[in-house]
Protein backbone atom coordinates (compact mmCIF):
# COMPACT_ATOMS: atom_id res chain seq x y z
CA UNK A 1 1.40 -123.26 -53.01
CA UNK A 2 0.58 -125.78 -50.94
CA UNK A 3 1.34 -128.47 -53.59
CA UNK A 4 4.62 -127.82 -53.62
CA UNK A 5 5.03 -128.86 -49.67
CA UNK A 6 2.93 -131.74 -50.01
CA UNK A 7 6.25 -134.31 -50.48
CA UNK A 8 7.99 -132.55 -47.86
CA UNK A 9 4.79 -132.74 -45.43
CA UNK A 10 4.95 -136.46 -46.03
CA UNK A 11 8.47 -137.12 -45.05
CA UNK A 12 7.74 -134.49 -42.03
CA UNK A 13 5.44 -137.12 -40.87
CA UNK A 14 7.76 -140.13 -41.00
CA UNK A 15 10.25 -137.88 -39.33
CA UNK A 16 7.92 -136.67 -36.53
CA UNK A 17 7.15 -140.55 -35.51
CA UNK A 18 10.76 -141.00 -35.45
CA UNK A 19 11.21 -138.32 -33.21
CA UNK A 20 8.60 -139.05 -31.11
CA UNK A 21 9.66 -143.30 -30.89
CA UNK A 22 13.09 -141.63 -30.05
CA UNK A 23 12.07 -139.15 -27.31
CA UNK A 24 9.53 -141.99 -25.80
CA UNK A 25 12.57 -144.51 -25.86
CA UNK A 26 15.00 -142.45 -24.51
CA UNK A 27 13.31 -141.24 -21.52
CA UNK A 28 11.50 -144.62 -20.79
CA UNK A 29 14.89 -146.66 -20.99
CA UNK A 30 16.28 -144.31 -17.55
CA UNK A 31 12.93 -144.66 -15.61
CA UNK A 32 12.29 -148.27 -16.13
CA UNK A 33 16.21 -149.10 -15.53
CA UNK A 34 15.52 -147.15 -12.06
CA UNK A 35 13.14 -149.08 -11.17
CA UNK A 36 14.62 -152.69 -11.88
CA UNK A 37 17.74 -151.39 -9.89
CA UNK A 38 20.25 -150.72 -12.28
CA UNK A 39 23.16 -148.94 -11.29
CA UNK A 40 23.98 -145.36 -11.62
CA UNK A 41 27.05 -146.23 -13.96
CA UNK A 42 25.22 -148.45 -16.03
CA UNK A 43 22.42 -145.68 -16.53
CA UNK A 44 25.03 -143.23 -17.67
CA UNK A 45 26.44 -145.59 -19.84
CA UNK A 46 23.35 -146.39 -21.71
CA UNK A 47 24.34 -142.56 -22.79
CA UNK A 48 27.42 -142.62 -23.56
CA UNK A 49 26.75 -145.87 -25.32
CA UNK A 50 23.80 -143.53 -27.47
CA UNK A 51 26.02 -141.38 -28.50
CA UNK A 52 29.01 -143.53 -29.29
CA UNK A 53 26.57 -145.26 -31.54
CA UNK A 54 25.14 -141.48 -33.11
CA UNK A 55 28.41 -140.18 -33.87
CA UNK A 56 29.79 -143.65 -35.43
CA UNK A 57 26.42 -143.68 -37.49
CA UNK A 58 27.34 -140.33 -38.84
CA UNK A 59 30.61 -141.46 -40.47
CA UNK A 60 29.79 -144.92 -41.66
CA UNK A 61 25.71 -144.82 -42.33
CA UNK A 62 26.56 -142.58 -45.61
CA UNK A 63 28.49 -145.78 -47.24
CA UNK A 64 25.59 -148.01 -45.85
CA UNK A 65 22.91 -145.73 -47.64
CA UNK A 66 25.51 -145.68 -51.03
CA UNK A 67 24.77 -149.46 -51.50
CA UNK A 68 21.20 -149.90 -50.03
CA UNK A 69 19.57 -146.67 -51.50
CA UNK A 70 17.62 -143.98 -49.98
CA UNK A 71 14.27 -146.16 -49.10
CA UNK A 72 15.95 -149.48 -48.61
CA UNK A 73 18.42 -148.34 -45.88
CA UNK A 74 15.66 -145.83 -43.89
CA UNK A 75 13.64 -149.09 -44.16
CA UNK A 76 16.07 -151.31 -42.25
CA UNK A 77 17.30 -148.84 -39.81
CA UNK A 78 13.56 -147.90 -38.73
CA UNK A 79 12.58 -151.59 -38.76
CA UNK A 80 16.05 -151.55 -36.69
CA UNK A 81 14.97 -149.25 -33.99
CA UNK A 82 11.55 -151.01 -33.88
CA UNK A 83 13.48 -154.23 -33.02
CA UNK A 84 15.86 -152.54 -30.38
CA UNK A 85 12.90 -151.00 -28.55
CA UNK A 86 10.67 -154.77 -28.77
CA UNK A 87 13.85 -156.49 -27.39
CA UNK A 88 14.49 -154.01 -24.75
CA UNK A 89 11.43 -154.75 -23.32
CA UNK A 90 12.04 -158.09 -23.37
CA UNK A 91 15.34 -158.48 -21.92
CA UNK A 92 15.39 -156.29 -18.81
CA UNK A 93 19.64 -156.97 -17.98
CA UNK A 94 21.43 -153.47 -17.92
CA UNK A 95 24.31 -154.37 -19.82
CA UNK A 96 22.25 -156.03 -22.86
CA UNK A 97 20.87 -152.42 -23.06
CA UNK A 98 23.62 -150.51 -22.88
CA UNK A 99 25.22 -153.11 -26.15
CA UNK A 100 21.42 -151.97 -27.59
CA UNK A 101 21.67 -148.29 -26.78
CA UNK A 102 24.42 -148.15 -29.20
CA UNK A 103 22.96 -150.07 -31.54
CA UNK A 104 20.17 -147.39 -31.40
CA UNK A 105 22.38 -144.28 -31.51
CA UNK A 106 23.73 -145.70 -35.61
CA UNK A 107 20.63 -146.52 -37.10
CA UNK A 108 19.11 -143.73 -35.61
CA UNK A 109 22.02 -141.59 -37.02
CA UNK A 110 21.36 -143.61 -40.40
CA UNK A 111 17.49 -142.85 -40.72
CA UNK A 112 17.96 -138.82 -39.80
CA UNK A 113 20.61 -138.32 -42.28
CA UNK A 114 18.38 -139.97 -45.07
CA UNK A 115 15.38 -137.94 -44.19
CA UNK A 116 17.06 -135.06 -43.99
CA UNK A 117 19.02 -135.65 -47.28
CA UNK A 118 15.83 -135.76 -49.32
CA UNK A 119 14.48 -132.47 -47.48
CA UNK A 120 17.00 -130.78 -49.04
CA UNK A 121 16.89 -132.57 -52.36
CA UNK A 122 12.69 -131.32 -52.08
CA UNK A 123 13.48 -127.78 -50.99
CA UNK A 124 14.75 -125.02 -52.95
CA UNK A 125 16.94 -122.13 -52.54
CA UNK A 126 13.55 -119.71 -51.96
CA UNK A 127 11.86 -122.12 -50.07
CA UNK A 128 14.77 -123.35 -47.45
CA UNK A 129 14.09 -121.30 -44.92
CA UNK A 130 10.35 -122.33 -44.21
CA UNK A 131 11.56 -126.04 -44.66
CA UNK A 132 14.16 -125.57 -41.81
CA UNK A 133 11.89 -124.03 -39.49
CA UNK A 134 9.27 -126.59 -40.62
CA UNK A 135 11.59 -129.32 -39.55
CA UNK A 136 12.69 -127.36 -36.37
CA UNK A 137 8.78 -127.14 -35.01
CA UNK A 138 8.45 -131.29 -35.53
CA UNK A 139 11.68 -131.94 -33.77
CA UNK A 140 10.64 -130.12 -30.82
CA UNK A 141 7.15 -131.21 -30.90
CA UNK A 142 7.62 -134.82 -32.06
CA UNK A 143 10.60 -135.37 -29.47
CA UNK A 144 8.31 -133.79 -26.44
CA UNK A 145 5.16 -135.95 -27.63
CA UNK A 146 7.13 -138.67 -27.17
CA UNK A 147 8.66 -137.90 -23.97
CA UNK A 148 4.90 -137.29 -22.72
CA UNK A 149 3.62 -140.58 -23.65
CA UNK A 150 5.47 -141.64 -20.76
CA UNK A 151 3.43 -139.44 -18.93
CA UNK A 152 -0.31 -141.71 -19.41
CA UNK A 153 1.50 -144.88 -19.69
CA UNK A 154 2.86 -147.74 -16.93
CA UNK A 155 6.68 -147.58 -16.89
CA UNK A 156 6.53 -150.95 -15.16
CA UNK A 157 4.63 -152.84 -17.84
CA UNK A 158 5.86 -153.40 -21.62
CA UNK A 159 3.10 -151.40 -23.74
CA UNK A 160 5.31 -148.70 -23.72
CA UNK A 161 8.26 -150.79 -25.28
CA UNK A 162 5.41 -151.75 -27.96
CA UNK A 163 4.09 -148.14 -28.54
CA UNK A 164 7.88 -147.41 -29.43
CA UNK A 165 7.84 -149.60 -31.74
CA UNK A 166 4.66 -148.75 -33.23
CA UNK A 167 6.47 -145.86 -33.78
CA UNK A 168 8.92 -146.91 -35.25
CA UNK A 169 6.85 -148.74 -37.44
CA UNK A 170 4.70 -145.83 -38.82
CA UNK A 171 8.13 -143.87 -39.52
CA UNK A 172 8.70 -146.35 -42.18
CA UNK A 173 4.91 -145.74 -44.35
CA UNK A 174 5.75 -141.86 -45.19
CA UNK A 175 8.77 -142.85 -47.55
CA UNK A 176 7.49 -146.60 -48.55
CA UNK A 177 4.83 -145.15 -49.95
CA UNK A 178 6.59 -141.92 -51.27
CA UNK A 179 6.73 -141.22 -55.26
CA UNK A 180 9.14 -138.48 -54.54
CA UNK A 181 12.59 -138.69 -56.44
CA UNK A 182 15.73 -140.36 -54.69
CA UNK A 183 17.74 -137.83 -53.32
CA UNK A 184 21.75 -137.75 -54.08
CA UNK A 185 23.93 -140.20 -52.51
CA UNK A 186 24.66 -139.04 -48.72
CA UNK A 187 28.24 -137.20 -48.35
CA UNK A 188 30.61 -138.19 -46.24
CA UNK A 189 31.44 -136.73 -43.02
CA UNK A 190 34.84 -135.60 -42.06
CA UNK A 191 36.25 -134.21 -39.03
CA UNK A 192 38.74 -131.51 -38.87
CA UNK A 193 39.24 -130.60 -35.07
CA UNK A 194 42.43 -128.84 -35.94
CA UNK A 195 40.68 -126.67 -38.31
CA UNK A 196 37.63 -126.22 -36.00
CA UNK A 197 40.28 -124.57 -33.62
CA UNK A 198 41.72 -122.30 -35.28
CA UNK A 199 38.50 -120.99 -37.13
CA UNK A 200 37.00 -120.77 -33.45
CA UNK A 201 38.87 -121.61 -30.29
CA UNK A 202 35.72 -120.38 -27.61
CA UNK A 203 33.42 -122.28 -30.64
CA UNK A 204 35.13 -125.69 -30.82
CA UNK A 205 35.42 -125.76 -26.68
CA UNK A 206 32.44 -124.76 -26.10
CA UNK A 207 30.65 -127.68 -28.47
CA UNK A 208 32.66 -130.43 -26.04
CA UNK A 209 31.54 -128.76 -22.90
CA UNK A 210 28.22 -127.90 -23.59
CA UNK A 211 27.67 -131.68 -24.79
CA UNK A 212 29.27 -133.01 -21.66
CA UNK A 213 26.82 -130.33 -19.69
CA UNK A 214 23.69 -132.06 -22.32
CA UNK A 215 24.87 -135.43 -22.46
CA UNK A 216 24.25 -135.66 -18.84
CA UNK A 217 21.31 -134.06 -18.04
CA UNK A 218 19.61 -135.74 -21.10
CA UNK A 219 20.53 -139.12 -19.93
CA UNK A 220 20.35 -139.14 -16.43
CA UNK A 221 17.66 -136.41 -15.70
CA UNK A 222 15.00 -138.88 -15.48
CA UNK A 223 16.94 -140.48 -12.99
CA UNK A 224 17.17 -137.56 -10.75
CA UNK A 225 13.42 -137.17 -11.06
CA UNK A 226 12.76 -140.30 -10.06
CA UNK A 227 15.50 -140.37 -7.00
CA UNK A 228 14.24 -137.47 -5.83
CA UNK A 229 10.56 -138.57 -5.75
CA UNK A 230 8.72 -136.56 -8.28
CA UNK A 231 5.71 -138.79 -10.14
CA UNK A 232 6.50 -139.99 -13.73
CA UNK A 233 4.17 -137.28 -15.54
CA UNK A 234 6.10 -134.56 -13.78
CA UNK A 235 9.52 -136.38 -14.95
CA UNK A 236 7.64 -136.52 -18.13
CA UNK A 237 6.89 -132.41 -18.24
CA UNK A 238 10.10 -131.50 -16.56
CA UNK A 239 12.49 -133.20 -19.60
CA UNK A 240 10.42 -131.38 -21.86
CA UNK A 241 10.27 -128.17 -21.00
CA UNK A 242 14.30 -128.07 -20.36
CA UNK A 243 14.62 -128.36 -24.37
CA UNK A 244 11.40 -126.51 -24.79
CA UNK A 245 12.40 -123.71 -22.74
CA UNK A 246 15.83 -123.58 -24.19
CA UNK A 247 14.54 -123.88 -27.89
CA UNK A 248 11.99 -120.51 -26.65
CA UNK A 249 15.44 -118.71 -25.42
CA UNK A 250 17.30 -118.82 -28.50
CA UNK A 251 15.86 -116.27 -30.57
CA UNK A 252 16.59 -113.55 -27.65
CA UNK A 253 19.68 -114.59 -26.81
CA UNK A 254 20.89 -114.83 -30.35
CA UNK A 255 19.48 -110.70 -31.15
CA UNK A 256 20.81 -109.94 -28.65
CA UNK A 257 24.70 -111.39 -29.95
CA UNK A 258 23.72 -110.11 -32.93
CA UNK A 259 24.04 -106.63 -30.98
CA UNK A 260 27.62 -107.26 -29.10
CA UNK A 261 30.48 -109.74 -29.12
CA UNK A 262 28.68 -112.92 -28.88
CA UNK A 263 31.46 -114.28 -26.47
CA UNK A 264 29.81 -112.09 -24.19
CA UNK A 265 26.69 -113.53 -24.60
CA UNK A 266 28.01 -116.92 -24.41
CA UNK A 267 29.70 -116.62 -21.10
CA UNK A 268 26.55 -114.73 -19.50
CA UNK A 269 24.30 -117.90 -20.73
CA UNK A 270 27.15 -120.42 -19.14
CA UNK A 271 27.15 -118.07 -15.78
CA UNK A 272 23.58 -118.22 -15.69
CA UNK A 273 22.97 -122.41 -16.16
CA UNK A 274 25.81 -122.34 -13.65
CA UNK A 275 23.45 -120.35 -11.39
CA UNK A 276 20.66 -122.60 -11.75
CA UNK A 277 22.86 -125.81 -11.54
CA UNK A 278 24.42 -124.75 -7.86
CA UNK A 279 20.66 -124.02 -6.53
CA UNK A 280 19.55 -127.02 -7.33
CA UNK A 281 22.33 -128.59 -6.19
CA UNK A 282 22.51 -126.84 -2.59
CA UNK A 283 19.44 -126.09 -2.06
CA UNK A 284 17.89 -130.06 -3.08
CA UNK A 285 13.90 -129.14 -3.85
CA UNK A 286 11.45 -131.64 -3.51
CA UNK A 287 8.43 -130.27 -4.34
CA UNK A 288 7.41 -131.15 -8.57
CA UNK A 289 5.95 -128.13 -9.39
CA UNK A 290 9.22 -126.18 -7.80
CA UNK A 291 11.83 -128.66 -9.39
CA UNK A 292 9.79 -128.13 -13.06
CA UNK A 293 10.17 -124.44 -12.72
CA UNK A 294 14.22 -124.33 -11.68
CA UNK A 295 15.14 -126.93 -14.14
CA UNK A 296 13.20 -125.20 -17.39
CA UNK A 297 14.99 -122.35 -16.16
CA UNK A 298 18.14 -123.79 -16.35
CA UNK A 299 17.20 -125.31 -19.57
CA UNK A 300 16.38 -121.95 -21.00
CA UNK A 301 20.50 -120.97 -20.12
CA UNK A 302 22.10 -124.25 -21.23
CA UNK A 303 20.12 -125.24 -24.15
CA UNK A 304 20.58 -121.84 -25.79
CA UNK A 305 24.72 -122.45 -25.73
CA UNK A 306 25.20 -124.45 -28.58
CA UNK A 307 23.31 -122.46 -30.86
CA UNK A 308 25.11 -118.93 -29.69
CA UNK A 309 28.71 -121.18 -29.81
CA UNK A 310 27.68 -122.36 -33.61
CA UNK A 311 27.11 -118.66 -34.63
CA UNK A 312 30.29 -117.62 -33.47
CA UNK A 313 32.17 -119.71 -34.92
CA UNK A 314 30.15 -119.30 -38.56
CA UNK A 315 31.17 -115.13 -37.72
CA UNK A 316 34.88 -116.60 -38.67
CA UNK A 317 34.61 -118.94 -41.25
CA UNK A 318 33.65 -117.99 -44.45
CA UNK A 319 29.78 -118.57 -46.17
CA UNK A 320 31.35 -121.67 -48.19
CA UNK A 321 32.43 -123.45 -45.01
CA UNK A 322 28.98 -123.11 -43.18
CA UNK A 323 28.01 -127.06 -43.43
CA UNK A 324 32.05 -128.35 -42.97
CA UNK A 325 32.45 -126.27 -39.65
CA UNK A 326 28.91 -126.39 -38.65
CA UNK A 327 28.84 -130.16 -39.05
CA UNK A 328 31.92 -130.58 -37.26
CA UNK A 329 30.90 -128.72 -34.21
CA UNK A 330 28.13 -131.02 -34.49
CA UNK A 331 30.29 -133.83 -33.92
CA UNK A 332 32.97 -132.55 -31.32
CA UNK A 333 29.40 -132.06 -29.40
CA UNK A 334 28.96 -135.79 -29.47
CA UNK A 335 31.78 -136.88 -28.07
CA UNK A 336 31.07 -134.47 -25.28
CA UNK A 337 27.88 -136.12 -24.76
CA UNK A 338 29.98 -139.17 -24.29
CA UNK A 339 31.53 -137.81 -21.22
CA UNK A 340 29.06 -135.96 -19.78
CA UNK A 341 26.82 -139.38 -18.79
CA UNK A 342 30.10 -140.93 -17.41
CA UNK A 343 31.11 -138.08 -15.63
CA UNK A 344 27.30 -137.23 -13.97
CA UNK A 345 26.70 -140.87 -12.76
CA UNK A 346 30.22 -141.10 -10.66
CA UNK A 347 29.20 -137.98 -8.78
CA UNK A 348 25.91 -139.00 -8.27
CA UNK A 349 26.68 -142.45 -7.76
CA UNK A 350 29.94 -140.81 -5.05
CA UNK A 351 27.14 -138.35 -3.65
CA UNK A 352 23.01 -137.62 -4.17
CA UNK A 353 20.96 -137.14 -7.05
CA UNK A 354 21.56 -133.66 -7.55
CA UNK A 355 25.03 -134.28 -8.18
CA UNK A 356 24.39 -134.39 -11.67
CA UNK A 357 23.87 -130.63 -11.02
CA UNK A 358 27.31 -130.68 -10.17
CA UNK A 359 28.43 -132.29 -13.40
CA UNK A 360 26.74 -129.24 -15.97
CA UNK A 361 27.69 -126.78 -13.39
CA UNK A 362 31.55 -127.84 -13.60
CA UNK A 363 31.22 -128.14 -17.63
CA UNK A 364 29.60 -124.33 -17.78
CA UNK A 365 32.25 -123.02 -15.24
CA UNK A 366 35.06 -123.83 -17.35
CA UNK A 367 32.80 -122.92 -20.35
CA UNK A 368 32.33 -119.66 -19.20
CA UNK A 369 36.24 -118.53 -17.64
CA UNK A 370 37.73 -120.20 -20.96
CA UNK A 371 35.03 -117.45 -23.09
CA UNK A 372 36.50 -114.90 -21.26
CA UNK A 373 39.69 -115.92 -21.47
CA UNK A 374 39.45 -115.49 -25.13
CA UNK A 375 37.75 -112.70 -24.86
CA UNK A 376 41.23 -110.58 -23.97
CA UNK A 377 43.17 -112.73 -26.52
CA UNK A 378 40.89 -111.62 -29.93
CA UNK A 379 38.70 -109.07 -31.16
CA UNK A 380 35.59 -109.75 -32.02
CA UNK A 381 33.81 -109.81 -35.56
CA UNK A 382 32.80 -106.66 -36.63
CA UNK A 383 28.54 -106.52 -36.31
CA UNK A 384 28.52 -105.42 -39.52
CA UNK A 385 30.36 -108.41 -41.32
CA UNK A 386 28.14 -110.95 -39.44
CA UNK A 387 25.16 -112.72 -40.47
CA UNK A 388 22.20 -112.27 -38.35
CA UNK A 389 21.41 -115.26 -35.76
CA UNK A 390 19.27 -117.64 -36.78
CA UNK A 391 18.06 -120.51 -34.09
CA UNK A 392 18.77 -124.28 -34.41
CA UNK A 393 17.07 -127.78 -33.79
CA UNK A 394 17.15 -129.64 -31.28
CA UNK A 395 21.20 -130.48 -31.32
CA UNK A 396 20.55 -134.48 -30.13
CA UNK A 397 18.33 -135.21 -33.50
CA UNK A 398 20.07 -133.91 -36.52
CA UNK A 399 23.26 -134.76 -38.26
CA UNK A 400 25.55 -133.05 -40.37
CA UNK A 401 23.52 -133.76 -43.25
CA UNK A 402 20.51 -131.37 -41.85
CA UNK A 403 22.97 -128.35 -42.19
CA UNK A 404 22.81 -128.71 -45.81
CA UNK A 405 19.15 -127.37 -45.04
CA UNK A 406 20.05 -124.38 -43.31
CA UNK A 407 19.26 -121.18 -45.07
CA UNK A 408 22.86 -119.82 -43.85
CA UNK A 409 24.21 -122.29 -46.58
CA UNK A 410 26.03 -120.95 -49.27
CA UNK A 411 23.16 -121.34 -52.03
CA UNK A 412 23.53 -123.96 -54.96
CA UNK A 413 21.58 -124.37 -58.13
CA UNK A 414 18.27 -126.08 -57.51
CA UNK A 415 17.81 -129.03 -54.56
């Protein structure tokens, strides 16, 4: 049985290196930019540029892959990631970094789509759930591992940029030497905003607002940590634990949502995230340990919201529309992540570092309020008509192609 998973494990090794490189580079840039005196607006624009590049890549990368083939296209995307990582270490300029960050987002979308389609091709309807679970574990562990590399390095030197380039290059090896057959051509990505809103107004609006909050934190959380004076190691641990806490909270929150109207759970989680965000803004903690504990508690609420929103949307959708609906919500989330860093950067520049949490609290309070409004307008889906909740990978590291791996997808004939 293990032999049947060997090609998948090889691809997952490549995924691990790619995600580790992404996690390392994504944390390194704001920390180094902060040391170099880059403006808050520029640091926020880096997050917006990455999100814009990633969403654009989801639409246009499939055409490039169909033209060049999976192996050559993946090699080009991963090599481009390495080149960009090295260039950011050579050219310390905020405007160049913004441009390069957009290019990184585009190339990473293409690389992730190729790996995800390859994993889908090598899985079957019988082991799809196990493959999806492995992909989730690799996603979280690799992102956290990449971020924790920063804790052991010197942000002021070029060494971490070099390590990032090495990790990108290492991700090439498993696919380059793999003898597995090439997957089917990537499917074009489309977005039907009207259809998503008609299917579930709460989920459509929620995914944009969740993107605003998570995009703000993911881009400027490290800047907040640096400006309040906690150590680089504490910043790396803080950024990792926020996402890990959200992953750990998904299952209990999801099981609760299976037993009641999911919108009550969605509103409650949004209020919880807003509560911790407001507390961090008002009390201005400076102890590294206390900040890590408070932000992890914030992450447990904030980084669970997306999975609940997607589950609620799919309660209203037909089984055969799972990929279309979930993929559309992922793109709406991506659009939200373009807005969040700009909003948070503006508030941080105008007030103080903790103003980052004003931006996230505003998004979460809007989400909670709109969800409660919709509860009075539409009856919930009966519990017996829903699929059981299933956890989701980290949103910033998956593409619509990954959703074909999800066991909730309507089964096809093998492949």
